Amino acid sequence: MDVLHNEALLSAIERMNKVNDRASREAVLDLVISQAQFISPVEILPGENGEQNIQFALLPNQTNQPFFPAFTSWEELRKLCGPKNQQTLVMTFDQYAGMILKDNRAAGFVIDPFGCCLSFDREMVSHLVQRKTLSAPPQ
């Protein structure tokens, strides 16, 4: 069951990898903050009073900093967990940003860590939140 529609983002990433100019990078960033939805591997555990506790997976980068993985498709998620059933949530940039900026355990998030491997560290996430806020239409 593929509920994600990240074709525009994946096309933009492919173009960025070929062209690698400012316009192609900006197109990827705009899609990440405005439209993309990501599969996040989690473990959902029973908690107190019928509530559930959700533990998010973290993957270390080359310098052993923990990053939340964000997958653009089930195929990309399978590169992490194989064919086993994996509990997941579908999340947006805003949800990842909220977790990263409120909790110091993660250094950022990484899109398709076993594919295109686009990393967004805490500083970049903060910058993108500001960018999104400034580009939002007034209410």
C-alpha atoms as a PDB file:
ATOM      1  CA  MET A   1       0.000   0.000   0.000  1.00  0.00           C
ATOM      2  CA  ASP A   2       1.830   3.072  -1.244  1.00  0.00           C
ATOM      3  CA  VAL A   3       0.102   6.198   0.031  1.00  0.00           C
ATOM      4  CA  LEU A   4       3.072   8.456  -0.588  1.00  0.00           C
ATOM      5  CA  HIS A   5       3.302  10.682  -3.619  1.00  0.00           C
ATOM      6  CA  ASN A   6       6.911  11.809  -3.710  1.00  0.00           C
ATOM      7  CA  GLU A   7       7.415  11.605  -7.475  1.00  0.00           C
ATOM      8  CA  ALA A   8       8.022  15.366  -7.749  1.00  0.00           C
ATOM      9  CA  LEU A   9      10.633  15.250  -4.981  1.00  0.00           C
ATOM     10  CA  LEU A  10      12.386  12.214  -6.449  1.00  0.00           C
ATOM     11  CA  SER A  11      12.487  13.872  -9.889  1.00  0.00           C
ATOM     12  CA  ALA A  12      13.855  17.066  -8.338  1.00  0.00           C
ATOM     13  CA  ILE A  13      16.554  15.101  -6.486  1.00  0.00           C
ATOM     14  CA  GLU A  14      17.518  13.315  -9.698  1.00  0.00           C
ATOM     15  CA  ARG A  15      17.746  16.662 -11.517  1.00  0.00           C
ATOM     16  CA  MET A  16      19.798  18.159  -8.666  1.00  0.00           C
ATOM     17  CA  ASN A  17      22.233  15.243  -8.815  1.00  0.00           C
ATOM     18  CA  LYS A  18      22.707  15.810 -12.550  1.00  0.00           C
ATOM     19  CA  VAL A  19      22.730  19.617 -12.717  1.00  0.00           C
ATOM     20  CA  ASN A  20      23.680  20.635  -9.149  1.00  0.00           C
ATOM     21  CA  ASP A  21      22.950  24.313  -9.517  1.00  0.00           C
ATOM     22  CA  ARG A  22      21.235  26.673  -7.102  1.00  0.00           C
ATOM     23  CA  ALA A  23      17.834  26.387  -8.818  1.00  0.00           C
ATOM     24  CA  SER A  24      17.822  22.578  -8.636  1.00  0.00           C
ATOM     25  CA  ARG A  25      18.851  22.608  -4.955  1.00  0.00           C
ATOM     26  CA  GLU A  26      16.173  25.200  -4.123  1.00  0.00           C
ATOM     27  CA  ALA A  27      13.538  23.091  -5.916  1.00  0.00           C
ATOM     28  CA  VAL A  28      14.418  20.098  -3.721  1.00  0.00           C
ATOM     29  CA  LEU A  29      14.281  22.182  -0.543  1.00  0.00           C
ATOM     30  CA  ASP A  30      10.914  23.689  -1.500  1.00  0.00           C
ATOM     31  CA  LEU A  31       9.428  20.232  -2.059  1.00  0.00           C
ATOM     32  CA  VAL A  32      10.900  18.862   1.180  1.00  0.00           C
ATOM     33  CA  ILE A  33       9.377  21.635   3.304  1.00  0.00           C
ATOM     34  CA  SER A  34       6.049  21.983   1.492  1.00  0.00           C
ATOM     35  CA  GLN A  35       4.857  18.730  -0.082  1.00  0.00           C
ATOM     36  CA  ALA A  36       6.893  15.640   0.727  1.00  0.00           C
ATOM     37  CA  GLN A  37       5.695  12.935   3.069  1.00  0.00           C
ATOM     38  CA  PHE A  38       8.108  10.444   4.558  1.00  0.00           C
ATOM     39  CA  ILE A  39       7.904   6.990   6.072  1.00  0.00           C
ATOM     40  CA  SER A  40       9.437   6.978   9.530  1.00  0.00           C
ATOM     41  CA  PRO A  41      10.319   3.637  11.132  1.00  0.00           C
ATOM     42  CA  VAL A  42       9.058   3.503  14.703  1.00  0.00           C
ATOM     43  CA  GLU A  43       8.351   1.100  17.521  1.00  0.00           C
ATOM     44  CA  ILE A  44       4.935   1.565  19.110  1.00  0.00           C
ATOM     45  CA  LEU A  45       4.883   0.301  22.691  1.00  0.00           C
ATOM     46  CA  PRO A  46       2.028   0.056  25.183  1.00  0.00           C
ATOM     47  CA  GLY A  47       2.152   2.791  27.778  1.00  0.00           C
ATOM     48  CA  GLU A  48       0.243   3.872  30.850  1.00  0.00           C
ATOM     49  CA  ASN A  49      -3.572   4.027  30.881  1.00  0.00           C
ATOM     50  CA  GLY A  50      -3.964   2.589  27.391  1.00  0.00           C
ATOM     51  CA  GLU A  51      -1.725   5.233  25.835  1.00  0.00           C
ATOM     52  CA  GLN A  52       1.008   4.344  23.376  1.00  0.00           C
ATOM     53  CA  ASN A  53       4.674   5.281  23.482  1.00  0.00           C
ATOM     54  CA  ILE A  54       6.347   5.823  20.134  1.00  0.00           C
ATOM     55  CA  GLN A  55      10.086   5.314  19.791  1.00  0.00           C
ATOM     56  CA  PHE A  56      11.617   6.710  16.609  1.00  0.00           C
ATOM     57  CA  ALA A  57      14.538   5.009  14.930  1.00  0.00           C
ATOM     58  CA  LEU A  58      17.859   6.850  14.804  1.00  0.00           C
ATOM     59  CA  LEU A  59      20.713   6.079  12.431  1.00  0.00           C
ATOM     60  CA  PRO A  60      24.299   7.263  13.004  1.00  0.00           C
ATOM     61  CA  ASN A  61      26.039   9.247  10.269  1.00  0.00           C
ATOM     62  CA  GLN A  62      29.754   8.958   9.424  1.00  0.00           C
ATOM     63  CA  THR A  63      30.701  10.873  12.584  1.00  0.00           C
ATOM     64  CA  ASN A  64      28.307   8.822  14.748  1.00  0.00           C
ATOM     65  CA  GLN A  65      25.719  11.614  15.124  1.00  0.00           C
ATOM     66  CA  PRO A  66      22.149  10.245  15.357  1.00  0.00           C
ATOM     67  CA  PHE A  67      19.727  11.203  12.565  1.00  0.00           C
ATOM     68  CA  PHE A  68      16.062  10.348  12.092  1.00  0.00           C
ATOM     69  CA  PRO A  69      15.663   8.361   8.866  1.00  0.00           C
ATOM     70  CA  ALA A  70      12.958   9.615   6.466  1.00  0.00           C
ATOM     71  CA  PHE A  71      12.061   7.337   3.574  1.00  0.00           C
ATOM     72  CA  THR A  72      10.380   8.487   0.362  1.00  0.00           C
ATOM     73  CA  SER A  73       8.979   5.043  -0.484  1.00  0.00           C
ATOM     74  CA  TRP A  74       8.427   1.545   0.861  1.00  0.00           C
ATOM     75  CA  GLU A  75      11.215   0.366  -1.437  1.00  0.00           C
ATOM     76  CA  GLU A  76      13.669   2.719   0.279  1.00  0.00           C
ATOM     77  CA  LEU A  77      12.440   1.637   3.746  1.00  0.00           C
ATOM     78  CA  ARG A  78      13.083  -2.030   2.797  1.00  0.00           C
ATOM     79  CA  LYS A  79      16.781  -1.159   2.372  1.00  0.00           C
ATOM     80  CA  LEU A  80      16.797  -0.643   6.164  1.00  0.00           C
ATOM     81  CA  CYS A  81      14.506  -3.350   7.484  1.00  0.00           C
ATOM     82  CA  GLY A  82      14.288  -5.906   4.688  1.00  0.00           C
ATOM     83  CA  PRO A  83      11.039  -7.831   4.238  1.00  0.00           C
ATOM     84  CA  LYS A  84      10.082  -7.871   7.934  1.00  0.00           C
ATOM     85  CA  ASN A  85       7.049  -5.948   9.082  1.00  0.00           C
ATOM     86  CA  GLN A  86       8.163  -2.559  10.327  1.00  0.00           C
ATOM     87  CA  GLN A  87       5.946  -0.231  12.317  1.00  0.00           C
ATOM     88  CA  THR A  88       5.875   3.170  10.660  1.00  0.00           C
ATOM     89  CA  LEU A  89       4.356   6.622  10.712  1.00  0.00           C
ATOM     90  CA  VAL A  90       3.946   8.919   7.730  1.00  0.00           C
ATOM     91  CA  MET A  91       5.484  12.274   8.605  1.00  0.00           C
ATOM     92  CA  THR A  92       6.138  15.681   7.082  1.00  0.00           C
ATOM     93  CA  PHE A  93       9.058  18.083   7.323  1.00  0.00           C
ATOM     94  CA  ASP A  94       7.179  20.076   9.982  1.00  0.00           C
ATOM     95  CA  GLN A  95       6.873  17.001  12.203  1.00  0.00           C
ATOM     96  CA  TYR A  96      10.551  16.099  11.866  1.00  0.00           C
ATOM     97  CA  ALA A  97      11.541  19.731  12.487  1.00  0.00           C
ATOM     98  CA  GLY A  98       9.416  19.833  15.630  1.00  0.00           C
ATOM     99  CA  MET A  99      11.119  16.745  17.037  1.00  0.00           C
ATOM    100  CA  ILE A 100      14.630  17.874  16.107  1.00  0.00           C
ATOM    101  CA  LEU A 101      14.326  21.413  17.408  1.00  0.00           C
ATOM    102  CA  LYS A 102      12.655  20.389  20.710  1.00  0.00           C
ATOM    103  CA  ASP A 103      14.872  17.419  21.540  1.00  0.00           C
ATOM    104  CA  ASN A 104      18.658  17.325  21.441  1.00  0.00           C
ATOM    105  CA  ARG A 105      18.909  13.556  20.949  1.00  0.00           C
ATOM    106  CA  ALA A 106      18.882  13.804  17.137  1.00  0.00           C
ATOM    107  CA  ALA A 107      21.314  15.860  15.089  1.00  0.00           C
ATOM    108  CA  GLY A 108      18.824  16.076  12.200  1.00  0.00           C
ATOM    109  CA  PHE A 109      17.091  13.862   9.678  1.00  0.00           C
ATOM    110  CA  VAL A 110      18.217  12.085   6.537  1.00  0.00           C
ATOM    111  CA  ILE A 111      16.106  11.344   3.474  1.00  0.00           C
ATOM    112  CA  ASP A 112      16.627   7.859   2.010  1.00  0.00           C
ATOM    113  CA  PRO A 113      19.844   7.076   3.936  1.00  0.00           C
ATOM    114  CA  PHE A 114      20.606   4.066   1.699  1.00  0.00           C
ATOM    115  CA  GLY A 115      19.668   5.894  -1.509  1.00  0.00           C
ATOM    116  CA  CYS A 116      20.104   9.591  -2.271  1.00  0.00           C
ATOM    117  CA  CYS A 117      21.124  10.204   1.371  1.00  0.00           C
ATOM    118  CA  LEU A 118      20.135  13.867   1.772  1.00  0.00           C
ATOM    119  CA  SER A 119      21.010  15.014   5.301  1.00  0.00           C
ATOM    120  CA  PHE A 120      19.475  17.962   7.094  1.00  0.00           C
ATOM    121  CA  ASP A 121      21.291  18.879  10.287  1.00  0.00           C
ATOM    122  CA  ARG A 122      19.773  20.904  13.125  1.00  0.00           C
ATOM    123  CA  GLU A 123      21.046  24.228  11.727  1.00  0.00           C
ATOM    124  CA  MET A 124      19.618  23.515   8.265  1.00  0.00           C
ATOM    125  CA  VAL A 125      16.287  22.396   9.745  1.00  0.00           C
ATOM    126  CA  SER A 126      16.085  25.636  11.744  1.00  0.00           C
ATOM    127  CA  HIS A 127      16.880  27.650   8.591  1.00  0.00           C
ATOM    128  CA  LEU A 128      14.202  25.796   6.602  1.00  0.00           C
ATOM    129  CA  VAL A 129      11.603  26.382   9.322  1.00  0.00           C
ATOM    130  CA  GLN A 130      12.335  30.121   9.125  1.00  0.00           C
ATOM    131  CA  ARG A 131      12.224  29.994   5.319  1.00  0.00           C
ATOM    132  CA  LYS A 132       8.862  28.250   5.387  1.00  0.00           C
ATOM    133  CA  THR A 133       7.488  30.733   7.937  1.00  0.00           C
ATOM    134  CA  LEU A 134       8.600  33.718   5.859  1.00  0.00           C
ATOM    135  CA  SER A 135       7.146  32.284   2.656  1.00  0.00           C
ATOM    136  CA  ALA A 136       3.776  31.431   4.220  1.00  0.00           C
ATOM    137  CA  PRO A 137       0.901  33.686   3.157  1.00  0.00           C
ATOM    138  CA  PRO A 138      -0.348  36.026   5.908  1.00  0.00           C
ATOM    139  CA  GLN A 139      -3.464  34.841   7.701  1.00  0.00           C
END
